[in-house]
Amino acid sequence: MELRQSLSLQARAYSLNRMLLMKYKYLFFLLFLYCTASAQNRFQLAPPLIKYRSIFFDDRLRVPIVFEQPGAYITYSIDGETGKAKKYNKPILINKEVTTIKASANSKDFMTSEIVEATFIKSGIQAAVHFPEASGPYKSSKPSILSDNQGGITNYNSPTWLGYDKDSVSLIIETGKVQNLHKVLFNVLENQQAWIFTPSRAVVYAYNKQNNSFSVVLSTVTLPMVQNTKVQCRAITMKLIPSNTDKLKLVLYNTKLPSWHQGVGKLAWMFIDEVKLY
């Protein structure tokens, strides 16, 4: 009798434990589904791709934006528009002097992607840009490399770049005839991990025929150094004192690597790929 009661109690305990185990398995399964759904909702989309061969163009340019994900769509804004971003449905036509496009990928099932951006620059007054020999492997034998509408690539090994590890670089800009000039724009690369920094200062001089020298300062700009892990192109625009001339000199001054950089105290690199005149 006692043996039967003992076996009966064991059977009941086994049955109860089995029921509890199945219940916990079910709860764990529900928890797994909830976590999976939550993880999906927290998943962030990759950014879209703004496609271009060069950021420079002559008259007008159509810019496609690409993102392939079922159920996702692209929104974009132009030049910091404060209104609601537009839904992308066809390549964007641009024809202004400088245009910045920002875009992101969106979906009801996932988090919006990070914003990507690209700045496009229209040609201005036709001019020849003469440059000194660049440093190391970052040279070019192409005389028009700084005025050929090719560039805006963030890879410093692109043949569109000229690289300098000198204290300063002087560029001579010639229009071929006397004109009323208002602005100079130059495009540089910033990749601080690769020791590539923007110039610390830039000065534009006008040519003085009377004394055969570049003695008239038309513009000066100082570029503050800010620690930045982003690899990017930076188009620097310099407004000029109105001047009628056919020749300018643009001087870019280099900087030494700061205390927070692994190469502290050494000379940085400057990379430039295009100069525009307006």
Protein backbone atom coordinates (compact mmCIF):
# COMPACT_ATOMS: atom_id res chain seq x y z
CA MET A 1 0.00 0.00 0.00
CA GLU A 2 2.73 2.42 0.95
CA LEU A 3 4.60 1.50 -2.24
CA ARG A 4 1.52 2.28 -4.36
CA GLN A 5 1.06 5.64 -2.66
CA SER A 6 4.74 6.45 -3.17
CA LEU A 7 4.55 5.57 -6.88
CA SER A 8 1.35 7.59 -7.25
CA LEU A 9 2.97 10.64 -5.66
CA GLN A 10 6.00 10.26 -7.92
CA ALA A 11 3.76 10.03 -10.99
CA ARG A 12 1.85 13.15 -9.96
CA ALA A 13 5.10 15.03 -9.32
CA TYR A 14 6.43 13.92 -12.71
CA SER A 15 3.23 15.03 -14.43
CA LEU A 16 3.30 18.38 -12.63
CA ASN A 17 6.95 18.95 -13.52
CA ARG A 18 6.23 18.10 -17.15
CA MET A 19 3.34 20.56 -17.25
CA LEU A 20 5.51 23.27 -15.70
CA LEU A 21 8.29 22.53 -18.19
CA MET A 22 5.90 22.80 -21.14
CA LYS A 23 4.50 26.03 -19.71
CA TYR A 24 7.97 27.53 -19.35
CA LYS A 25 8.91 26.41 -22.86
CA TYR A 26 5.83 28.17 -24.19
CA LEU A 27 6.68 31.32 -22.23
CA PHE A 28 10.24 31.24 -23.54
CA PHE A 29 8.89 30.80 -27.08
CA LEU A 30 6.65 33.85 -26.66
CA LEU A 31 9.59 35.81 -25.25
CA PHE A 32 11.69 34.78 -28.25
CA LEU A 33 9.01 35.98 -30.67
CA TYR A 34 8.72 39.27 -28.82
CA CYS A 35 12.48 39.82 -28.81
CA THR A 36 12.67 38.93 -32.51
CA ALA A 37 9.94 41.42 -33.35
CA SER A 38 11.55 44.06 -31.17
CA ALA A 39 14.93 43.47 -32.77
CA GLN A 40 13.37 43.84 -36.22
CA ASN A 41 11.79 47.13 -35.21
CA ARG A 42 15.14 48.35 -33.90
CA PHE A 43 17.06 47.28 -37.02
CA GLN A 44 18.36 50.31 -38.90
CA LEU A 45 18.35 50.43 -42.66
CA ALA A 46 21.59 50.96 -44.54
CA PRO A 47 21.82 54.41 -46.15
CA PRO A 48 20.96 54.91 -49.83
CA LEU A 49 23.60 55.57 -52.48
CA ILE A 50 23.83 58.98 -54.16
CA LYS A 51 25.37 58.01 -57.51
CA TYR A 52 27.84 60.18 -59.40
CA ARG A 53 31.17 59.95 -61.20
CA SER A 54 32.16 63.47 -60.25
CA ILE A 55 30.61 66.21 -58.12
CA PHE A 56 31.56 68.81 -60.75
CA PHE A 57 29.49 69.59 -63.84
CA ASP A 58 29.21 72.18 -66.62
CA ASP A 59 25.57 73.12 -67.19
CA ARG A 60 23.19 70.73 -65.46
CA LEU A 61 23.33 67.31 -63.85
CA ARG A 62 20.84 64.54 -63.07
CA VAL A 63 21.61 62.78 -59.80
CA PRO A 64 20.12 59.31 -59.15
CA ILE A 65 19.71 57.92 -55.63
CA VAL A 66 19.59 54.15 -55.22
CA PHE A 67 18.30 51.85 -52.49
CA GLU A 68 16.97 48.32 -52.98
CA GLN A 69 14.88 46.95 -50.13
CA PRO A 70 11.30 45.65 -50.48
CA GLY A 71 8.86 48.06 -48.85
CA ALA A 72 11.47 50.80 -48.37
CA TYR A 73 11.58 54.23 -49.96
CA ILE A 74 13.98 57.18 -50.19
CA THR A 75 13.42 60.73 -48.95
CA TYR A 76 15.67 63.68 -49.76
CA SER A 77 16.16 67.39 -49.24
CA ILE A 78 18.13 70.01 -51.14
CA ASP A 79 20.29 72.74 -49.59
CA GLY A 80 18.98 72.28 -46.06
CA GLU A 81 15.29 72.67 -46.84
CA THR A 82 13.46 73.02 -43.54
CA GLY A 83 10.17 71.62 -44.80
CA LYS A 84 9.21 67.97 -44.95
CA ALA A 85 11.65 65.83 -46.93
CA LYS A 86 10.46 64.86 -50.39
CA LYS A 87 9.89 61.28 -51.50
CA TYR A 88 12.36 60.32 -54.21
CA ASN A 89 10.92 58.95 -57.46
CA LYS A 90 13.31 60.06 -60.22
CA PRO A 91 16.84 61.48 -60.65
CA ILE A 92 17.21 65.00 -59.25
CA LEU A 93 18.00 67.73 -61.76
CA ILE A 94 20.43 70.37 -60.48
CA ASN A 95 21.84 73.45 -62.20
CA LYS A 96 22.83 75.84 -59.40
CA GLU A 97 26.36 76.92 -58.53
CA VAL A 98 26.49 74.74 -55.40
CA THR A 99 23.84 72.17 -54.46
CA THR A 100 23.83 69.83 -51.45
CA ILE A 101 21.58 66.76 -51.53
CA LYS A 102 20.79 64.83 -48.35
CA ALA A 103 18.98 61.49 -48.47
CA SER A 104 17.86 58.64 -46.22
CA ALA A 105 16.17 55.24 -46.58
CA ASN A 106 12.83 54.73 -44.81
CA SER A 107 10.45 51.86 -44.01
CA LYS A 108 7.52 51.26 -41.68
CA ASP A 109 9.19 48.05 -40.47
CA PHE A 110 12.68 49.38 -39.71
CA MET A 111 14.46 52.41 -38.34
CA THR A 112 15.32 55.18 -40.78
CA SER A 113 18.87 55.01 -42.11
CA GLU A 114 21.62 57.49 -41.40
CA ILE A 115 21.56 60.56 -43.65
CA VAL A 116 24.01 60.63 -46.54
CA GLU A 117 24.88 63.78 -48.41
CA ALA A 118 26.77 65.01 -51.45
CA THR A 119 27.56 68.52 -52.66
CA PHE A 120 27.64 69.23 -56.39
CA ILE A 121 29.50 72.17 -57.91
CA LYS A 122 28.83 73.89 -61.23
CA SER A 123 31.60 75.27 -63.41
CA GLY A 124 32.14 79.00 -63.35
CA ILE A 125 34.47 81.20 -65.37
CA GLN A 126 36.79 79.18 -67.56
CA ALA A 127 40.32 79.39 -66.21
CA ALA A 128 43.62 77.55 -66.23
CA VAL A 129 45.00 76.55 -62.82
CA HIS A 130 48.78 76.15 -62.59
CA PHE A 131 50.14 74.12 -59.69
CA PRO A 132 53.54 73.11 -58.25
CA GLU A 133 54.64 69.50 -58.36
CA ALA A 134 52.77 67.46 -55.76
CA SER A 135 54.40 65.24 -53.13
CA GLY A 136 55.23 61.53 -53.16
CA PRO A 137 52.90 59.32 -55.20
CA TYR A 138 50.15 61.96 -55.31
CA LYS A 139 51.42 63.75 -58.42
CA SER A 140 49.86 64.24 -61.82
CA SER A 141 51.16 65.02 -65.29
CA LYS A 142 47.74 66.29 -66.35
CA PRO A 143 47.94 70.11 -66.69
CA SER A 144 44.17 70.56 -66.31
CA ILE A 145 43.75 68.31 -63.25
CA LEU A 146 42.50 71.22 -61.09
CA SER A 147 40.03 72.48 -63.70
CA ASP A 148 38.79 69.34 -65.49
CA ASN A 149 35.48 68.88 -63.63
CA GLN A 150 36.66 65.54 -62.26
CA GLY A 151 36.70 64.89 -58.52
CA GLY A 152 34.82 64.77 -55.28
CA ILE A 153 35.94 61.19 -54.59
CA THR A 154 36.74 60.49 -50.93
CA ASN A 155 39.42 57.88 -51.74
CA TYR A 156 42.75 59.73 -51.54
CA ASN A 157 44.26 57.26 -54.03
CA SER A 158 41.93 58.56 -56.74
CA PRO A 159 44.01 60.07 -59.60
CA THR A 160 41.87 63.22 -59.38
CA TRP A 161 43.74 64.38 -56.25
CA LEU A 162 47.00 66.27 -55.82
CA GLY A 163 48.62 65.66 -52.42
CA TYR A 164 51.06 68.01 -50.67
CA ASP A 165 53.04 67.68 -47.43
CA LYS A 166 54.52 71.18 -47.69
CA ASP A 167 54.13 74.28 -45.53
CA SER A 168 52.14 76.03 -48.25
CA VAL A 169 50.98 75.60 -51.84
CA SER A 170 50.55 78.46 -54.33
CA LEU A 171 48.17 78.04 -57.27
CA ILE A 172 48.05 80.53 -60.16
CA ILE A 173 44.63 81.01 -61.78
CA GLU A 174 44.51 82.61 -65.24
CA THR A 175 41.34 83.57 -67.12
CA GLY A 176 43.02 84.76 -70.32
CA LYS A 177 41.29 88.15 -70.22
CA VAL A 178 40.45 90.81 -67.64
CA GLN A 179 37.15 90.03 -65.92
CA ASN A 180 35.15 91.07 -62.88
CA LEU A 181 35.75 88.25 -60.37
CA HIS A 182 33.66 87.65 -57.24
CA LYS A 183 34.44 84.22 -55.76
CA VAL A 184 37.00 81.44 -55.64
CA LEU A 185 36.03 77.89 -54.66
CA PHE A 186 38.46 75.05 -53.99
CA ASN A 187 37.68 71.46 -53.07
CA VAL A 188 39.85 69.62 -50.52
CA LEU A 189 39.83 66.26 -48.79
CA GLU A 190 39.59 65.59 -45.06
CA ASN A 191 40.69 62.20 -43.74
CA GLN A 192 42.33 62.82 -40.39
CA GLN A 193 43.17 59.17 -39.74
CA ALA A 194 45.23 59.24 -42.95
CA TRP A 195 46.92 62.52 -41.84
CA ILE A 196 44.96 64.53 -44.43
CA PHE A 197 43.64 67.82 -43.02
CA THR A 198 42.05 70.90 -44.52
CA PRO A 199 44.36 73.92 -44.92
CA SER A 200 44.62 76.10 -41.83
CA ARG A 201 44.35 79.28 -43.90
CA ALA A 202 43.80 80.38 -47.49
CA VAL A 203 44.60 83.74 -49.12
CA VAL A 204 43.69 85.04 -52.59
CA TYR A 205 45.84 87.72 -54.25
CA ALA A 206 45.15 89.70 -57.42
CA TYR A 207 47.87 90.30 -59.97
CA ASN A 208 49.21 93.86 -60.11
CA LYS A 209 50.53 94.67 -63.58
CA GLN A 210 52.24 97.86 -62.44
CA ASN A 211 54.73 96.08 -60.21
CA ASN A 212 54.39 92.66 -61.85
CA SER A 213 53.43 90.87 -58.63
CA PHE A 214 50.52 89.41 -56.69
CA SER A 215 50.34 92.19 -54.13
CA VAL A 216 46.62 92.89 -53.64
CA VAL A 217 44.83 90.71 -51.08
CA LEU A 218 41.26 89.98 -52.19
CA SER A 219 40.23 87.47 -49.54
CA THR A 220 41.50 85.59 -46.49
CA VAL A 221 39.84 82.70 -44.70
CA THR A 222 40.92 80.79 -41.60
CA LEU A 223 39.73 77.20 -41.23
CA PRO A 224 39.53 76.06 -37.59
CA MET A 225 40.80 72.59 -36.80
CA VAL A 226 38.10 70.29 -35.43
CA GLN A 227 38.66 66.64 -34.54
CA ASN A 228 36.63 64.58 -36.97
CA THR A 229 36.53 60.87 -37.84
CA LYS A 230 34.47 61.45 -40.97
CA VAL A 231 36.14 61.08 -44.36
CA GLN A 232 34.76 63.86 -46.54
CA CYS A 233 35.31 66.42 -49.27
CA ARG A 234 35.01 70.07 -48.31
CA ALA A 235 34.27 72.82 -50.80
CA ILE A 236 35.63 76.12 -49.46
CA THR A 237 34.17 79.30 -50.98
CA MET A 238 36.03 82.61 -50.66
CA LYS A 239 34.24 85.87 -51.47
CA LEU A 240 36.54 88.36 -53.14
CA ILE A 241 36.78 92.12 -52.96
CA PRO A 242 35.35 92.98 -56.42
CA SER A 243 38.29 93.09 -58.78
CA ASN A 244 38.92 93.32 -62.52
CA THR A 245 41.87 91.10 -63.30
CA ASP A 246 42.94 88.18 -65.44
CA LYS A 247 45.16 86.48 -62.89
CA LEU A 248 44.87 85.37 -59.25
CA LYS A 249 47.07 83.52 -56.80
CA LEU A 250 45.52 81.16 -54.25
CA VAL A 251 47.83 80.23 -51.37
CA LEU A 252 46.89 77.32 -49.10
CA TYR A 253 48.71 77.10 -45.77
CA ASN A 254 49.25 73.72 -44.16
CA THR A 255 49.08 72.82 -40.47
CA LYS A 256 50.89 70.55 -38.02
CA LEU A 257 49.14 67.55 -36.55
CA PRO A 258 47.51 68.38 -33.18
CA SER A 259 48.12 66.86 -29.75
CA TRP A 260 45.23 64.40 -30.06
CA HIS A 261 46.61 62.91 -33.30
CA GLN A 262 49.01 59.95 -33.41
CA GLY A 263 51.41 61.97 -35.57
CA VAL A 264 51.43 64.98 -33.25
CA GLY A 265 53.83 67.72 -34.31
CA LYS A 266 54.40 66.43 -37.84
CA LEU A 267 53.20 68.21 -40.96
CA ALA A 268 49.76 67.21 -42.22
CA TRP A 269 48.88 66.45 -45.83
CA MET A 270 46.72 68.70 -48.00
CA PHE A 271 44.76 67.19 -50.90
CA ILE A 272 43.06 69.32 -53.56
CA ASP A 273 41.22 68.24 -56.72
CA GLU A 274 39.50 71.30 -58.21
CA VAL A 275 39.48 75.10 -58.23
CA LYS A 276 36.52 77.16 -59.53
CA LEU A 277 36.24 80.85 -60.30
CA TYR A 278 33.02 82.92 -60.38
